[in-house]
PDB file of N, CA and C in Angstrom:
ATOM      1  N   MET A   1      -5.517  33.280  14.948  1.00  0.00           N
ATOM      2  CA  MET A   1      -4.320  32.621  14.374  1.00  0.00           C
ATOM      3  C   MET A   1      -4.422  31.249  14.000  1.00  0.00           C
ATOM      4  N   LEU A   2      -4.326  30.570  13.141  1.00  0.00           N
ATOM      5  CA  LEU A   2      -4.336  29.480  12.649  1.00  0.00           C
ATOM      6  C   LEU A   2      -3.610  28.346  13.322  1.00  0.00           C
ATOM      7  N   LYS A   3      -4.072  27.332  14.079  1.00  0.00           N
ATOM      8  CA  LYS A   3      -3.363  26.259  14.510  1.00  0.00           C
ATOM      9  C   LYS A   3      -2.736  25.276  13.573  1.00  0.00           C
ATOM     10  N   SER A   4      -1.736  24.656  13.697  1.00  0.00           N
ATOM     11  CA  SER A   4      -1.203  23.872  12.946  1.00  0.00           C
ATOM     12  C   SER A   4      -1.598  22.513  13.275  1.00  0.00           C
ATOM     13  N   VAL A   5      -1.644  21.654  12.767  1.00  0.00           N
ATOM     14  CA  VAL A   5      -1.999  20.054  12.972  1.00  0.00           C
ATOM     15  C   VAL A   5      -0.410  19.437  12.747  1.00  0.00           C
ATOM     16  N   PRO A   6      -0.144  18.476  13.805  1.00  0.00           N
ATOM     17  CA  PRO A   6       0.958  17.565  13.458  1.00  0.00           C
ATOM     18  C   PRO A   6       1.069  17.001  12.365  1.00  0.00           C
ATOM     19  N   TYR A   7       2.122  16.709  11.500  1.00  0.00           N
ATOM     20  CA  TYR A   7       2.100  16.171  10.184  1.00  0.00           C
ATOM     21  C   TYR A   7       1.316  14.595  10.497  1.00  0.00           C
ATOM     22  N   TYR A   8       1.836  13.709  11.336  1.00  0.00           N
ATOM     23  CA  TYR A   8       1.210  12.322  11.373  1.00  0.00           C
ATOM     24  C   TYR A   8       0.121  12.364  11.764  1.00  0.00           C
ATOM     25  N   SER A   9      -0.575  12.945  12.583  1.00  0.00           N
ATOM     26  CA  SER A   9      -2.038  12.733  12.538  1.00  0.00           C
ATOM     27  C   SER A   9      -2.734  13.496  11.572  1.00  0.00           C
ATOM     28  N   PHE A  10      -2.319  14.105  10.937  1.00  0.00           N
ATOM     29  CA  PHE A  10      -2.857  14.933   9.573  1.00  0.00           C
ATOM     30  C   PHE A  10      -2.862  13.868   8.693  1.00  0.00           C
ATOM     31  N   LEU A  11      -1.816  12.769   8.002  1.00  0.00           N
ATOM     32  CA  LEU A  11      -1.383  12.241   7.288  1.00  0.00           C
ATOM     33  C   LEU A  11      -2.350  10.834   7.726  1.00  0.00           C
ATOM     34  N   ILE A  12      -2.376  10.384   9.063  1.00  0.00           N
ATOM     35  CA  ILE A  12      -3.491   9.312   9.351  1.00  0.00           C
ATOM     36  C   ILE A  12      -4.884   9.568   8.881  1.00  0.00           C
ATOM     37  N   GLU A  13      -5.163  10.800   9.564  1.00  0.00           N
ATOM     38  CA  GLU A  13      -6.555  11.014   9.156  1.00  0.00           C
ATOM     39  C   GLU A  13      -6.791  11.208   7.546  1.00  0.00           C
ATOM     40  N   GLN A  14      -5.825  11.442   6.665  1.00  0.00           N
ATOM     41  CA  GLN A  14      -5.900  11.588   5.358  1.00  0.00           C
ATOM     42  C   GLN A  14      -5.784  10.128   4.675  1.00  0.00           C
ATOM     43  N   LEU A  15      -5.199   9.165   5.126  1.00  0.00           N
ATOM     44  CA  LEU A  15      -5.303   7.645   4.916  1.00  0.00           C
ATOM     45  C   LEU A  15      -6.260   6.935   5.142  1.00  0.00           C
ATOM     46  N   LYS A  16      -6.990   7.576   6.132  1.00  0.00           N
ATOM     47  CA  LYS A  16      -8.262   7.054   6.232  1.00  0.00           C
ATOM     48  C   LYS A  16      -9.351   6.855   4.943  1.00  0.00           C
ATOM     49  N   ASP A  17      -8.955   7.422   3.822  1.00  0.00           N
ATOM     50  CA  ASP A  17      -9.518   7.610   2.838  1.00  0.00           C
ATOM     51  C   ASP A  17      -8.745   6.555   2.047  1.00  0.00           C
ATOM     52  N   PRO A  18      -9.906   5.267   1.687  1.00  0.00           N
ATOM     53  CA  PRO A  18      -8.995   4.021   0.922  1.00  0.00           C
ATOM     54  C   PRO A  18      -8.186   4.563  -0.549  1.00  0.00           C
ATOM     55  N   VAL A  19      -9.012   5.768  -1.191  1.00  0.00           N
ATOM     56  CA  VAL A  19      -8.312   6.027  -2.457  1.00  0.00           C
ATOM     57  C   VAL A  19      -7.057   6.877  -2.239  1.00  0.00           C
ATOM     58  N   TYR A  20      -7.186   7.746  -1.310  1.00  0.00           N
ATOM     59  CA  TYR A  20      -6.035   8.172  -0.802  1.00  0.00           C
ATOM     60  C   TYR A  20      -4.851   7.035  -0.386  1.00  0.00           C
ATOM     61  N   ALA A  21      -5.295   6.287   0.535  1.00  0.00           N
ATOM     62  CA  ALA A  21      -4.243   5.101   0.856  1.00  0.00           C
ATOM     63  C   ALA A  21      -3.612   4.603  -0.372  1.00  0.00           C
ATOM     64  N   ALA A  22      -4.433   4.325  -1.228  1.00  0.00           N
ATOM     65  CA  ALA A  22      -3.954   3.702  -2.462  1.00  0.00           C
ATOM     66  C   ALA A  22      -3.057   4.754  -3.305  1.00  0.00           C
ATOM     67  N   GLY A  23      -3.195   5.499  -3.528  1.00  0.00           N
ATOM     68  CA  GLY A  23      -2.487   6.456  -4.034  1.00  0.00           C
ATOM     69  C   GLY A  23      -1.229   6.786  -3.261  1.00  0.00           C
ATOM     70  N   TYR A  24      -0.899   6.924  -1.940  1.00  0.00           N
ATOM     71  CA  TYR A  24       0.158   6.981  -1.243  1.00  0.00           C
ATOM     72  C   TYR A  24       1.220   6.034  -1.509  1.00  0.00           C
ATOM     73  N   LEU A  25       0.551   4.777  -1.373  1.00  0.00           N
ATOM     74  CA  LEU A  25       1.538   3.463  -1.566  1.00  0.00           C
ATOM     75  C   LEU A  25       1.810   3.570  -3.326  1.00  0.00           C
ATOM     76  N   ALA A  26       0.760   3.816  -3.964  1.00  0.00           N
ATOM     77  CA  ALA A  26       1.392   3.944  -5.260  1.00  0.00           C
ATOM     78  C   ALA A  26       2.673   4.427  -5.552  1.00  0.00           C
ATOM     79  N   ILE A  27       2.777   5.975  -4.940  1.00  0.00           N
ATOM     80  CA  ILE A  27       3.868   6.647  -4.980  1.00  0.00           C
ATOM     81  C   ILE A  27       5.040   6.007  -4.895  1.00  0.00           C
ATOM     82  N   PHE A  28       5.298   5.422  -3.476  1.00  0.00           N
ATOM     83  CA  PHE A  28       6.123   4.790  -2.973  1.00  0.00           C
ATOM     84  C   PHE A  28       6.837   3.402  -4.534  1.00  0.00           C
ATOM     85  N   LEU A  29       5.586   2.785  -4.618  1.00  0.00           N
ATOM     86  CA  LEU A  29       5.793   1.665  -5.879  1.00  0.00           C
ATOM     87  C   LEU A  29       6.263   2.748  -6.895  1.00  0.00           C
ATOM     88  N   ASN A  30       5.931   3.571  -7.381  1.00  0.00           N
ATOM     89  CA  ASN A  30       6.442   4.132  -8.504  1.00  0.00           C
ATOM     90  C   ASN A  30       7.701   4.617  -8.423  1.00  0.00           C
ATOM     91  N   GLU A  31       8.207   5.071  -7.347  1.00  0.00           N
ATOM     92  CA  GLU A  31       9.700   5.197  -6.608  1.00  0.00           C
ATOM     93  C   GLU A  31      10.442   4.290  -7.134  1.00  0.00           C
ATOM     94  N   GLN A  32      10.024   2.768  -6.508  1.00  0.00           N
ATOM     95  CA  GLN A  32      10.877   1.911  -6.958  1.00  0.00           C
ATOM     96  C   GLN A  32      11.067   1.591  -8.241  1.00  0.00           C
ATOM     97  N   GLU A  33       9.962   1.737  -8.946  1.00  0.00           N
ATOM     98  CA  GLU A  33      10.234   1.303 -10.429  1.00  0.00           C
ATOM     99  C   GLU A  33      11.261   2.231 -10.998  1.00  0.00           C
ATOM    100  N   GLU A  34      11.531   3.556 -10.568  1.00  0.00           N
ATOM    101  CA  GLU A  34      12.475   4.602 -11.113  1.00  0.00           C
ATOM    102  C   GLU A  34      13.769   4.335 -10.640  1.00  0.00           C
ATOM    103  N   GLY A  35      13.823   3.614  -9.588  1.00  0.00           N
ATOM    104  CA  GLY A  35      14.999   3.331  -8.936  1.00  0.00           C
ATOM    105  C   GLY A  35      15.453   4.210  -7.568  1.00  0.00           C
ATOM    106  N   ASP A  36      14.196   4.991  -7.248  1.00  0.00           N
ATOM    107  CA  ASP A  36      14.440   6.076  -6.357  1.00  0.00           C
ATOM    108  C   ASP A  36      14.120   5.437  -4.676  1.00  0.00           C
ATOM    109  N   LEU A  37      13.551   3.984  -4.924  1.00  0.00           N
ATOM    110  CA  LEU A  37      12.847   3.557  -3.553  1.00  0.00           C
ATOM    111  C   LEU A  37      13.733   3.451  -2.483  1.00  0.00           C
ATOM    112  N   ASP A  38      13.301   4.002  -1.333  1.00  0.00           N
ATOM    113  CA  ASP A  38      14.561   3.821  -0.054  1.00  0.00           C
ATOM    114  C   ASP A  38      13.712   2.699   0.527  1.00  0.00           C
ATOM    115  N   LEU A  39      14.084   1.384   0.660  1.00  0.00           N
ATOM    116  CA  LEU A  39      13.446   0.185   0.698  1.00  0.00           C
ATOM    117  C   LEU A  39      12.921   0.332   2.398  1.00  0.00           C
ATOM    118  N   GLY A  40      13.942   1.320   3.184  1.00  0.00           N
ATOM    119  CA  GLY A  40      13.170   1.129   4.852  1.00  0.00           C
ATOM    120  C   GLY A  40      11.984   2.133   4.710  1.00  0.00           C
ATOM    121  N   ILE A  41      11.577   2.822   3.600  1.00  0.00           N
ATOM    122  CA  ILE A  41      10.472   4.132   3.752  1.00  0.00           C
ATOM    123  C   ILE A  41       9.166   3.063   3.508  1.00  0.00           C
ATOM    124  N   PHE A  42       8.922   1.997   2.587  1.00  0.00           N
ATOM    125  CA  PHE A  42       7.937   1.330   2.028  1.00  0.00           C
ATOM    126  C   PHE A  42       7.255   0.588   3.283  1.00  0.00           C
ATOM    127  N   PRO A  43       8.055  -0.171   3.971  1.00  0.00           N
ATOM    128  CA  PRO A  43       7.267  -0.775   4.980  1.00  0.00           C
ATOM    129  C   PRO A  43       6.559   0.271   6.096  1.00  0.00           C
ATOM    130  N   SER A  44       7.474   1.446   6.018  1.00  0.00           N
ATOM    131  CA  SER A  44       6.498   2.468   6.988  1.00  0.00           C
ATOM    132  C   SER A  44       5.410   2.922   6.542  1.00  0.00           C
ATOM    133  N   ALA A  45       5.221   3.184   5.048  1.00  0.00           N
ATOM    134  CA  ALA A  45       4.126   3.550   4.714  1.00  0.00           C
ATOM    135  C   ALA A  45       2.843   2.591   4.611  1.00  0.00           C
ATOM    136  N   LEU A  46       3.306   1.171   4.656  1.00  0.00           N
ATOM    137  CA  LEU A  46       2.458   0.173   4.678  1.00  0.00           C
ATOM    138  C   LEU A  46       1.899   0.138   6.472  1.00  0.00           C
ATOM    139  N   LYS A  47       2.632   0.315   7.078  1.00  0.00           N
ATOM    140  CA  LYS A  47       2.196   0.619   8.484  1.00  0.00           C
ATOM    141  C   LYS A  47       1.202   1.648   8.762  1.00  0.00           C
ATOM    142  N   GLU A  48       1.477   2.712   8.095  1.00  0.00           N
ATOM    143  CA  GLU A  48       0.604   4.256   8.084  1.00  0.00           C
ATOM    144  C   GLU A  48      -0.695   3.833   7.744  1.00  0.00           C
ATOM    145  N   VAL A  49      -0.656   3.089   6.352  1.00  0.00           N
ATOM    146  CA  VAL A  49      -1.792   2.818   5.750  1.00  0.00           C
ATOM    147  C   VAL A  49      -2.778   1.731   6.707  1.00  0.00           C
ATOM    148  N   PHE A  50      -2.174   0.843   7.373  1.00  0.00           N
ATOM    149  CA  PHE A  50      -2.680  -0.102   8.184  1.00  0.00           C
ATOM    150  C   PHE A  50      -3.344   0.581   9.415  1.00  0.00           C
ATOM    151  N   GLU A  51      -2.248   1.856  10.314  1.00  0.00           N
ATOM    152  CA  GLU A  51      -2.888   2.120  11.490  1.00  0.00           C
ATOM    153  C   GLU A  51      -4.317   3.155  10.830  1.00  0.00           C
ATOM    154  N   ALA A  52      -4.415   3.490   9.506  1.00  0.00           N
ATOM    155  CA  ALA A  52      -5.439   4.436   9.245  1.00  0.00           C
ATOM    156  C   ALA A  52      -6.480   3.477   8.865  1.00  0.00           C
ATOM    157  N   LEU A  53      -6.260   2.472   7.776  1.00  0.00           N
ATOM    158  CA  LEU A  53      -7.579   1.374   7.483  1.00  0.00           C
ATOM    159  C   LEU A  53      -7.913   0.276   8.428  1.00  0.00           C
ATOM    160  N   GLY A  54      -6.715  -0.238   8.848  1.00  0.00           N
ATOM    161  CA  GLY A  54      -6.932  -1.715   9.520  1.00  0.00           C
ATOM    162  C   GLY A  54      -6.926  -1.667  10.967  1.00  0.00           C
ATOM    163  N   GLU A  55      -6.348  -0.564  11.606  1.00  0.00           N
ATOM    164  CA  GLU A  55      -6.160  -0.905  13.192  1.00  0.00           C
ATOM    165  C   GLU A  55      -7.689  -0.514  13.892  1.00  0.00           C
ATOM    166  N   PRO A  56      -8.168   0.550  13.420  1.00  0.00           N
ATOM    167  CA  PRO A  56      -9.729   0.838  13.774  1.00  0.00           C
ATOM    168  C   PRO A  56     -10.924  -0.315  13.705  1.00  0.00           C
ATOM    169  N   ASN A  57     -10.560  -0.992  12.866  1.00  0.00           N
ATOM    170  CA  ASN A  57     -11.433  -2.262  12.645  1.00  0.00           C
ATOM    171  C   ASN A  57     -11.027  -3.663  13.128  1.00  0.00           C
ATOM    172  N   MET A  58     -10.089  -3.660  13.787  1.00  0.00           N
ATOM    173  CA  MET A  58      -9.694  -4.771  14.554  1.00  0.00           C
ATOM    174  C   MET A  58      -9.591  -4.904  15.935  1.00  0.00           C
ATOM    175  N   SER A  59      -9.528  -6.073  16.748  1.00  0.00           N
ATOM    176  CA  SER A  59      -9.277  -6.218  17.883  1.00  0.00           C
ATOM    177  C   SER A  59      -7.896  -6.065  17.939  1.00  0.00           C
ATOM    178  N   PRO A  60      -7.234  -5.679  19.063  1.00  0.00           N
ATOM    179  CA  PRO A  60      -5.825  -5.368  19.336  1.00  0.00           C
ATOM    180  C   PRO A  60      -4.895  -6.774  19.085  1.00  0.00           C
ATOM    181  N   ASP A  61      -5.536  -7.790  19.353  1.00  0.00           N
ATOM    182  CA  ASP A  61      -5.162  -9.126  19.158  1.00  0.00           C
ATOM    183  C   ASP A  61      -4.703  -9.230  17.672  1.00  0.00           C
ATOM    184  N   ASP A  62      -5.952  -9.013  16.790  1.00  0.00           N
ATOM    185  CA  ASP A  62      -5.914  -9.104  15.187  1.00  0.00           C
ATOM    186  C   ASP A  62      -4.968  -8.396  14.574  1.00  0.00           C
ATOM    187  N   ALA A  63      -5.058  -6.895  15.044  1.00  0.00           N
ATOM    188  CA  ALA A  63      -4.045  -5.892  14.672  1.00  0.00           C
ATOM    189  C   ALA A  63      -2.844  -6.371  14.855  1.00  0.00           C
ATOM    190  N   SER A  64      -2.509  -6.787  16.064  1.00  0.00           N
ATOM    191  CA  SER A  64      -0.884  -7.109  16.339  1.00  0.00           C
ATOM    192  C   SER A  64      -0.536  -8.517  15.285  1.00  0.00           C
ATOM    193  N   LEU A  65      -1.450  -9.346  14.974  1.00  0.00           N
ATOM    194  CA  LEU A  65      -0.856 -10.267  14.082  1.00  0.00           C
ATOM    195  C   LEU A  65      -1.033  -9.911  12.828  1.00  0.00           C
ATOM    196  N   HIS A  66      -1.507  -9.007  12.364  1.00  0.00           N
ATOM    197  CA  HIS A  66      -1.738  -8.421  11.014  1.00  0.00           C
ATOM    198  C   HIS A  66      -0.330  -7.475  10.917  1.00  0.00           C
ATOM    199  N   LEU A  67       0.046  -6.987  11.838  1.00  0.00           N
ATOM    200  CA  LEU A  67       1.260  -6.276  11.311  1.00  0.00           C
ATOM    201  C   LEU A  67       2.499  -7.259  11.584  1.00  0.00           C
ATOM    202  N   GLU A  68       2.301  -8.445  12.460  1.00  0.00           N
ATOM    203  CA  GLU A  68       3.460  -9.513  12.452  1.00  0.00           C
ATOM    204  C   GLU A  68       3.392  -9.965  11.076  1.00  0.00           C
ATOM    205  N   LYS A  69       2.536 -10.129  10.368  1.00  0.00           N
ATOM    206  CA  LYS A  69       2.373 -10.874   9.075  1.00  0.00           C
ATOM    207  C   LYS A  69       3.268  -9.904   8.072  1.00  0.00           C
ATOM    208  N   LEU A  70       3.041  -8.802   8.054  1.00  0.00           N
ATOM    209  CA  LEU A  70       3.494  -7.701   7.312  1.00  0.00           C
ATOM    210  C   LEU A  70       5.119  -8.008   7.337  1.00  0.00           C
ATOM    211  N   ASP A  71       5.716  -8.054   8.858  1.00  0.00           N
ATOM    212  CA  ASP A  71       6.756  -8.048   9.032  1.00  0.00           C
ATOM    213  C   ASP A  71       7.414  -9.363   8.405  1.00  0.00           C
ATOM    214  N   ASN A  72       6.842 -10.479   8.553  1.00  0.00           N
ATOM    215  CA  ASN A  72       7.248 -11.566   7.899  1.00  0.00           C
ATOM    216  C   ASN A  72       7.275 -11.822   6.559  1.00  0.00           C
ATOM    217  N   LEU A  73       6.003 -10.804   5.864  1.00  0.00           N
ATOM    218  CA  LEU A  73       6.356 -11.212   4.164  1.00  0.00           C
ATOM    219  C   LEU A  73       7.151 -10.343   3.636  1.00  0.00           C
ATOM    220  N   LEU A  74       7.679  -8.957   4.546  1.00  0.00           N
ATOM    221  CA  LEU A  74       8.507  -8.193   4.009  1.00  0.00           C
ATOM    222  C   LEU A  74       9.936  -8.819   4.311  1.00  0.00           C
ATOM    223  N   SER A  75      10.183 -10.066   4.832  1.00  0.00           N
ATOM    224  CA  SER A  75      11.333 -10.502   5.083  1.00  0.00           C
ATOM    225  C   SER A  75      11.575 -11.419   4.295  1.00  0.00           C
ATOM    226  N   GLY A  76      10.543 -11.594   3.372  1.00  0.00           N
ATOM    227  CA  GLY A  76      10.608 -12.949   2.392  1.00  0.00           C
ATOM    228  C   GLY A  76      10.891 -12.596   1.262  1.00  0.00           C
ATOM    229  N   GLU A  77      11.124 -13.777   0.073  1.00  0.00           N
ATOM    230  CA  GLU A  77      11.809 -13.436  -1.117  1.00  0.00           C
ATOM    231  C   GLU A  77      11.036 -14.325  -2.109  1.00  0.00           C
ATOM    232  N   GLY A  78      10.968 -13.852  -3.477  1.00  0.00           N
ATOM    233  CA  GLY A  78      10.277 -14.652  -4.472  1.00  0.00           C
ATOM    234  C   GLY A  78       8.674 -14.322  -4.739  1.00  0.00           C
ATOM    235  N   THR A  79       8.067 -15.035  -5.600  1.00  0.00           N
ATOM    236  CA  THR A  79       6.534 -14.679  -6.153  1.00  0.00           C
ATOM    237  C   THR A  79       5.752 -14.740  -4.504  1.00  0.00           C
ATOM    238  N   ALA A  80       5.822 -15.789  -3.922  1.00  0.00           N
ATOM    239  CA  ALA A  80       5.254 -15.689  -2.538  1.00  0.00           C
ATOM    240  C   ALA A  80       4.901 -14.575  -1.650  1.00  0.00           C
ATOM    241  N   THR A  81       5.896 -13.981  -1.854  1.00  0.00           N
ATOM    242  CA  THR A  81       5.923 -12.649  -1.349  1.00  0.00           C
ATOM    243  C   THR A  81       5.085 -11.448  -1.878  1.00  0.00           C
ATOM    244  N   ILE A  82       4.508 -11.507  -3.181  1.00  0.00           N
ATOM    245  CA  ILE A  82       3.665 -10.870  -3.438  1.00  0.00           C
ATOM    246  C   ILE A  82       2.452 -11.007  -3.494  1.00  0.00           C
ATOM    247  N   TYR A  83       2.210 -12.474  -3.477  1.00  0.00           N
ATOM    248  CA  TYR A  83       0.867 -12.987  -3.165  1.00  0.00           C
ATOM    249  C   TYR A  83       0.209 -12.532  -1.520  1.00  0.00           C
ATOM    250  N   ALA A  84       1.543 -12.717  -0.618  1.00  0.00           N
ATOM    251  CA  ALA A  84       1.463 -12.556   0.602  1.00  0.00           C
ATOM    252  C   ALA A  84       0.956 -10.739   0.962  1.00  0.00           C
ATOM    253  N   LEU A  85       1.431 -10.236   0.043  1.00  0.00           N
ATOM    254  CA  LEU A  85       1.413  -8.354   0.490  1.00  0.00           C
ATOM    255  C   LEU A  85       0.016  -8.362  -0.217  1.00  0.00           C
ATOM    256  N   ALA A  86      -0.329  -9.085  -1.258  1.00  0.00           N
ATOM    257  CA  ALA A  86      -1.683  -9.006  -2.002  1.00  0.00           C
ATOM    258  C   ALA A  86      -2.848  -9.328  -0.809  1.00  0.00           C
ATOM    259  N   ASN A  87      -3.002 -10.555  -0.004  1.00  0.00           N
ATOM    260  CA  ASN A  87      -3.824 -10.820   0.786  1.00  0.00           C
ATOM    261  C   ASN A  87      -3.694  -9.966   2.067  1.00  0.00           C
ATOM    262  N   TRP A  88      -2.769  -9.364   2.134  1.00  0.00           N
ATOM    263  CA  TRP A  88      -2.309  -8.734   3.453  1.00  0.00           C
ATOM    264  C   TRP A  88      -3.013  -7.355   3.251  1.00  0.00           C
ATOM    265  N   LEU A  89      -3.232  -6.484   2.090  1.00  0.00           N
ATOM    266  CA  LEU A  89      -3.784  -5.574   1.493  1.00  0.00           C
ATOM    267  C   LEU A  89      -5.039  -5.633   1.331  1.00  0.00           C
ATOM    268  N   LYS A  90      -5.413  -6.726   1.153  1.00  0.00           N
ATOM    269  CA  LYS A  90      -6.995  -7.157   1.034  1.00  0.00           C
ATOM    270  C   LYS A  90      -7.475  -6.819   2.044  1.00  0.00           C
ATOM    271  N   VAL A  91      -7.142  -7.379   3.269  1.00  0.00           N
ATOM    272  CA  VAL A  91      -7.821  -7.145   4.461  1.00  0.00           C
ATOM    273  C   VAL A  91      -8.155  -5.732   5.146  1.00  0.00           C
ATOM    274  N   LEU A  92      -7.345  -4.562   4.290  1.00  0.00           N
ATOM    275  CA  LEU A  92      -7.252  -3.432   4.356  1.00  0.00           C
ATOM    276  C   LEU A  92      -8.539  -2.756   3.465  1.00  0.00           C
ATOM    277  N   GLY A  93      -9.006  -3.475   2.508  1.00  0.00           N
ATOM    278  CA  GLY A  93      -9.845  -3.088   1.443  1.00  0.00           C
ATOM    279  C   GLY A  93      -8.802  -2.767   0.409  1.00  0.00           C
ATOM    280  N   LEU A  94      -7.798  -2.833  -0.037  1.00  0.00           N
ATOM    281  CA  LEU A  94      -6.869  -2.376  -0.909  1.00  0.00           C
ATOM    282  C   LEU A  94      -6.435  -3.809  -1.709  1.00  0.00           C
ATOM    283  N   LYS A  95      -6.081  -3.360  -3.012  1.00  0.00           N
ATOM    284  CA  LYS A  95      -5.429  -4.346  -3.894  1.00  0.00           C
ATOM    285  C   LYS A  95      -4.517  -3.975  -4.654  1.00  0.00           C
ATOM    286  N   LEU A  96      -3.556  -4.818  -5.010  1.00  0.00           N
ATOM    287  CA  LEU A  96      -2.590  -5.118  -6.040  1.00  0.00           C
ATOM    288  C   LEU A  96      -2.866  -5.100  -7.408  1.00  0.00           C
ATOM    289  N   THR A  97      -2.543  -4.108  -8.554  1.00  0.00           N
ATOM    290  CA  THR A  97      -3.018  -4.084  -9.740  1.00  0.00           C
ATOM    291  C   THR A  97      -1.464  -3.803 -10.454  1.00  0.00           C
ATOM    292  N   VAL A  98      -1.742  -4.369 -11.572  1.00  0.00           N
ATOM    293  CA  VAL A  98      -0.859  -4.404 -12.709  1.00  0.00           C
ATOM    294  C   VAL A  98      -1.301  -3.576 -13.836  1.00  0.00           C
ATOM    295  N   ALA A  99      -0.700  -2.393 -14.425  1.00  0.00           N
ATOM    296  CA  ALA A  99      -1.105  -1.349 -15.319  1.00  0.00           C
ATOM    297  C   ALA A  99      -0.127  -1.158 -16.570  1.00  0.00           C
ATOM    298  N   VAL A 100      -0.794  -0.822 -17.840  1.00  0.00           N
ATOM    299  CA  VAL A 100       0.429  -0.132 -18.276  1.00  0.00           C
ATOM    300  C   VAL A 100       1.229   0.607 -17.958  1.00  0.00           C
ATOM    301  N   ASP A 101       2.698   0.324 -18.405  1.00  0.00           N
ATOM    302  CA  ASP A 101       3.528   1.606 -18.070  1.00  0.00           C
ATOM    303  C   ASP A 101       3.316   2.906 -18.770  1.00  0.00           C
ATOM    304  N   LYS A 102       3.308   4.215 -18.262  1.00  0.00           N
ATOM    305  CA  LYS A 102       3.041   5.556 -18.696  1.00  0.00           C
ATOM    306  C   LYS A 102       3.568   5.886 -20.146  1.00  0.00           C
ATOM    307  N   LYS A 103       4.665   5.336 -20.250  1.00  0.00           N
ATOM    308  CA  LYS A 103       5.294   5.557 -21.460  1.00  0.00           C
ATOM    309  C   LYS A 103       5.000   4.433 -22.705  1.00  0.00           C
ATOM    310  N   ASP A 104       4.414   3.615 -22.340  1.00  0.00           N
ATOM    311  CA  ASP A 104       3.891   2.510 -23.483  1.00  0.00           C
ATOM    312  C   ASP A 104       2.227   2.928 -23.548  1.00  0.00           C
ATOM    313  N   GLU A 105       1.641   3.735 -22.630  1.00  0.00           N
ATOM    314  CA  GLU A 105       0.222   3.919 -22.429  1.00  0.00           C
ATOM    315  C   GLU A 105       0.093   5.056 -23.644  1.00  0.00           C
ATOM    316  N   GLU A 106       1.146   6.082 -23.855  1.00  0.00           N
ATOM    317  CA  GLU A 106       0.806   7.007 -24.867  1.00  0.00           C
ATOM    318  C   GLU A 106       0.860   5.988 -26.250  1.00  0.00           C
ATOM    319  N   SER A 107       1.470   4.925 -26.711  1.00  0.00           N
ATOM    320  CA  SER A 107       1.446   4.456 -28.088  1.00  0.00           C
ATOM    321  C   SER A 107       0.047   3.750 -27.989  1.00  0.00           C
ATOM    322  N   SER A 108      -0.569   3.402 -27.094  1.00  0.00           N
ATOM    323  CA  SER A 108      -2.135   2.540 -26.673  1.00  0.00           C
ATOM    324  C   SER A 108      -3.155   3.716 -26.504  1.00  0.00           C
ATOM    325  N   ALA A 109      -4.153   3.741 -27.518  1.00  0.00           N
ATOM    326  CA  ALA A 109      -5.057   4.500 -27.298  1.00  0.00           C
ATOM    327  C   ALA A 109      -6.004   3.892 -25.945  1.00  0.00           C
ATOM    328  N   ASN A 110      -6.009   2.706 -26.016  1.00  0.00           N
ATOM    329  CA  ASN A 110      -6.656   2.103 -25.085  1.00  0.00           C
ATOM    330  C   ASN A 110      -6.074   1.400 -23.847  1.00  0.00           C
ATOM    331  N   ALA A 111      -5.545   2.067 -23.085  1.00  0.00           N
ATOM    332  CA  ALA A 111      -4.683   1.770 -22.065  1.00  0.00           C
ATOM    333  C   ALA A 111      -5.549   0.883 -20.957  1.00  0.00           C
ATOM    334  N   ILE A 112      -5.392  -0.174 -20.496  1.00  0.00           N
ATOM    335  CA  ILE A 112      -6.114  -0.926 -19.434  1.00  0.00           C
ATOM    336  C   ILE A 112      -5.260  -1.692 -18.518  1.00  0.00           C
ATOM    337  N   GLU A 113      -6.329  -1.932 -17.428  1.00  0.00           N
ATOM    338  CA  GLU A 113      -5.507  -2.650 -16.415  1.00  0.00           C
ATOM    339  C   GLU A 113      -5.335  -4.117 -16.920  1.00  0.00           C
ATOM    340  N   LEU A 114      -4.074  -4.240 -16.617  1.00  0.00           N
ATOM    341  CA  LEU A 114      -3.908  -5.982 -17.478  1.00  0.00           C
ATOM    342  C   LEU A 114      -4.028  -7.143 -16.347  1.00  0.00           C
ATOM    343  N   ALA A 115      -3.943  -7.056 -15.219  1.00  0.00           N
ATOM    344  CA  ALA A 115      -3.974  -7.732 -14.273  1.00  0.00           C
ATOM    345  C   ALA A 115      -4.322  -7.576 -12.714  1.00  0.00           C
ATOM    346  N   GLU A 116      -4.866  -8.401 -12.137  1.00  0.00           N
ATOM    347  CA  GLU A 116      -5.352  -8.273 -10.690  1.00  0.00           C
ATOM    348  C   GLU A 116      -4.327  -9.368 -10.059  1.00  0.00           C
ATOM    349  N   VAL A 117      -3.810  -8.892  -8.687  1.00  0.00           N
ATOM    350  CA  VAL A 117      -3.294  -9.684  -7.909  1.00  0.00           C
ATOM    351  C   VAL A 117      -4.048 -10.087  -6.587  1.00  0.00           C
ATOM    352  N   SER A 118      -4.646 -11.388  -6.817  1.00  0.00           N
ATOM    353  CA  SER A 118      -5.757 -11.428  -5.729  1.00  0.00           C
ATOM    354  C   SER A 118      -5.644 -12.749  -5.417  1.00  0.00           C
ATOM    355  N   ASN A 119      -6.570 -13.534  -4.282  1.00  0.00           N
ATOM    356  CA  ASN A 119      -6.724 -14.844  -3.828  1.00  0.00           C
ATOM    357  C   ASN A 119      -8.062 -15.289  -4.165  1.00  0.00           C
ATOM    358  N   VAL A 120      -8.626 -14.955  -5.305  1.00  0.00           N
ATOM    359  CA  VAL A 120     -10.017 -15.304  -5.848  1.00  0.00           C
ATOM    360  C   VAL A 120     -10.457 -16.646  -5.192  1.00  0.00           C
TER     361      VAL A 120
END
């Protein structure tokens, strides 16, 4: 008989792959673009990604500070918030990007990444 794996443990294990983690967060952002995002879920998704990618590589104090930064930046408004989120994700080895919308992509044979948000 096959054993079942608790979903949360399985999810965290999958999120240890940065490509999977980026796709996971992109799903929530795409839902937001379509007006379907439950704003209470996105912070949870960010914390799950943090648990998988950040927590194992940080001291307990650094991990606590990084989560505190997330709570602070999610309560902010304006353009500074997007840059703060970009910096928060960078510590996890992820980045925010801007891309051509899929409906516009069809009309452009050369869809490209338009911009990156970073603190280079």
